[in-house]
Amino acid sequence: MFLRSFTVLALLAAASIAHAQDRPIGFLTPSKNIVCQFYADNGQGVLRCDIMNMESRPRRPADCELDYGHAFEMSAKGAAGRICAGDTVMDASLPVLAYGEVWQRAGFTCRSEQTGLTCFNAMQHGFLLARGNQEVF
């Protein structure tokens, strides 16, 4: 009986760990207008942030058949930029990164402020996202 209970508990613990690893990694800003998710892609991290509402949206490039302007992405050591995306990383279950707080993971740093969100990588490439302005640096 003890062995069977132990086996069941071990299986439940393994399932719980696997489920925890499936959860998205990232955050929402307090306004819930900006969301970021981290992905491990081929051994290198990628950070994608989407802004839901902007005062103006840039013109979509001719080679983009999806949505353009709301999604920003960077790798841990590469340049940052807007991306052509037909999806969103919005997930209301992500934790909120309060104003004044910093989020860090795998070489990425993001700071949440009332004026917007600034994220950058180890090479100091990144973006500033706010309802009225989005800048890539």
Protein backbone atom coordinates (compact mmCIF):
# COMPACT_ATOMS: atom_id res chain seq x y z
CA MET A 1 0.00 0.00 0.00
CA PHE A 2 2.79 2.44 0.92
CA LEU A 3 4.63 1.76 -2.36
CA ARG A 4 1.48 2.37 -4.41
CA SER A 5 0.82 5.67 -2.57
CA PHE A 6 4.42 6.74 -3.07
CA THR A 7 4.23 5.91 -6.79
CA VAL A 8 1.01 7.90 -7.20
CA LEU A 9 2.53 10.88 -5.36
CA ALA A 10 5.67 10.69 -7.51
CA LEU A 11 3.58 10.65 -10.69
CA LEU A 12 1.51 13.61 -9.49
CA ALA A 13 4.66 15.55 -8.63
CA ALA A 14 6.16 14.81 -12.06
CA ALA A 15 2.95 15.91 -13.77
CA SER A 16 2.90 19.09 -11.70
CA ILE A 17 6.49 19.92 -12.67
CA ALA A 18 5.78 19.23 -16.34
CA HIS A 19 2.68 21.44 -16.17
CA ALA A 20 4.66 24.23 -14.49
CA GLN A 21 7.20 24.10 -17.32
CA ASP A 22 4.38 24.49 -19.85
CA ARG A 23 3.23 27.75 -18.27
CA PRO A 24 4.22 30.89 -20.14
CA ILE A 25 7.11 32.91 -18.74
CA GLY A 26 6.58 36.63 -18.74
CA PHE A 27 4.46 39.45 -17.37
CA LEU A 28 1.78 42.07 -17.94
CA THR A 29 2.12 45.77 -17.19
CA PRO A 30 -0.31 47.14 -14.58
CA SER A 31 -2.44 48.76 -17.31
CA LYS A 32 -2.56 45.35 -19.05
CA ASN A 33 -1.78 47.20 -22.28
CA ILE A 34 1.64 45.55 -22.68
CA VAL A 35 2.50 41.89 -22.29
CA CYS A 36 5.85 40.13 -22.65
CA GLN A 37 6.75 36.47 -22.91
CA PHE A 38 10.13 34.77 -22.86
CA TYR A 39 10.87 31.74 -25.03
CA ALA A 40 13.90 29.46 -25.13
CA ASP A 41 14.54 29.06 -28.86
CA ASN A 42 17.34 26.71 -29.99
CA GLY A 43 19.26 27.32 -26.80
CA GLN A 44 18.98 31.10 -27.10
CA GLY A 45 16.36 33.20 -25.39
CA VAL A 46 13.86 35.34 -27.23
CA LEU A 47 11.71 38.05 -25.66
CA ARG A 48 8.52 39.16 -27.37
CA CYS A 49 6.37 42.02 -26.16
CA ASP A 50 3.01 43.08 -27.59
CA ILE A 51 1.27 46.39 -27.06
CA MET A 52 -2.50 46.18 -27.30
CA ASN A 53 -3.49 49.84 -27.75
CA MET A 54 -1.39 52.50 -29.47
CA GLU A 55 -2.26 56.05 -30.48
CA SER A 56 -0.95 55.39 -33.98
CA ARG A 57 0.24 52.31 -35.81
CA PRO A 58 3.08 52.34 -38.36
CA ARG A 59 2.47 51.45 -42.00
CA ARG A 60 2.66 47.72 -42.66
CA PRO A 61 5.59 46.72 -44.92
CA ALA A 62 4.67 45.25 -48.29
CA ASP A 63 6.23 41.89 -47.38
CA CYS A 64 4.05 41.49 -44.26
CA GLU A 65 0.70 39.81 -44.85
CA LEU A 66 -0.16 39.69 -41.14
CA ASP A 67 -0.55 42.37 -38.46
CA TYR A 68 2.28 44.83 -38.05
CA GLY A 69 3.20 47.36 -35.42
CA HIS A 70 1.97 45.79 -32.18
CA ALA A 71 4.64 43.11 -31.69
CA PHE A 72 8.31 43.60 -30.77
CA GLU A 73 10.97 40.94 -30.44
CA MET A 74 14.66 40.50 -29.66
CA SER A 75 17.09 37.70 -29.02
CA ALA A 76 19.50 37.68 -26.10
CA LYS A 77 22.36 39.07 -28.20
CA GLY A 78 20.74 40.41 -31.36
CA ALA A 79 18.98 43.52 -32.50
CA ALA A 80 15.43 44.37 -31.45
CA GLY A 81 12.61 45.26 -33.80
CA ARG A 82 8.95 45.26 -34.73
CA ILE A 83 7.80 41.98 -36.19
CA CYS A 84 5.10 40.88 -38.58
CA ALA A 85 2.80 38.65 -36.50
CA GLY A 86 -0.61 37.10 -36.88
CA ASP A 87 -0.88 36.20 -33.21
CA THR A 88 -0.38 37.73 -29.79
CA VAL A 89 1.45 36.76 -26.61
CA MET A 90 -1.39 38.21 -24.48
CA ASP A 91 -2.09 35.88 -21.59
CA ALA A 92 -4.16 37.22 -18.69
CA SER A 93 -2.71 34.53 -16.38
CA LEU A 94 0.75 36.14 -16.43
CA PRO A 95 1.81 38.05 -13.31
CA VAL A 96 1.75 41.86 -13.26
CA LEU A 97 5.08 43.69 -13.20
CA ALA A 98 4.26 46.65 -10.95
CA TYR A 99 5.42 50.16 -11.80
CA GLY A 100 9.00 50.65 -10.65
CA GLU A 101 9.76 46.91 -10.70
CA VAL A 102 12.34 45.14 -12.85
CA TRP A 103 12.00 41.72 -14.53
CA GLN A 104 15.15 39.83 -15.54
CA ARG A 105 15.71 36.51 -17.27
CA ALA A 106 18.43 35.00 -19.48
CA GLY A 107 20.13 38.33 -20.26
CA PHE A 108 16.92 40.37 -20.69
CA THR A 109 15.94 43.24 -18.42
CA CYS A 110 12.57 45.03 -18.42
CA ARG A 111 11.51 47.96 -16.25
CA SER A 112 7.85 48.86 -15.80
CA GLU A 113 7.14 52.58 -15.33
CA GLN A 114 3.95 54.62 -15.47
CA THR A 115 5.34 56.20 -18.65
CA GLY A 116 5.89 52.83 -20.37
CA LEU A 117 7.95 49.67 -20.49
CA THR A 118 11.64 49.54 -21.38
CA CYS A 119 13.28 46.20 -22.22
CA PHE A 120 16.83 45.48 -23.38
CA ASN A 121 19.20 42.57 -23.83
CA ALA A 122 22.84 41.97 -22.88
CA MET A 123 23.99 43.95 -25.95
CA GLN A 124 21.87 46.96 -24.83
CA HIS A 125 19.50 46.54 -27.80
CA GLY A 126 15.84 46.86 -26.96
CA PHE A 127 12.65 48.87 -27.07
CA LEU A 128 10.55 51.38 -25.20
CA LEU A 129 6.82 50.76 -25.42
CA ALA A 130 4.10 53.22 -24.45
CA ARG A 131 0.63 53.98 -25.76
CA GLY A 132 1.83 57.23 -27.39
CA ASN A 133 5.26 56.12 -28.59
CA GLN A 134 7.26 53.01 -29.42
CA GLU A 135 11.01 53.18 -29.96
CA VAL A 136 13.51 50.51 -30.94
CA PHE A 137 17.14 51.05 -29.93
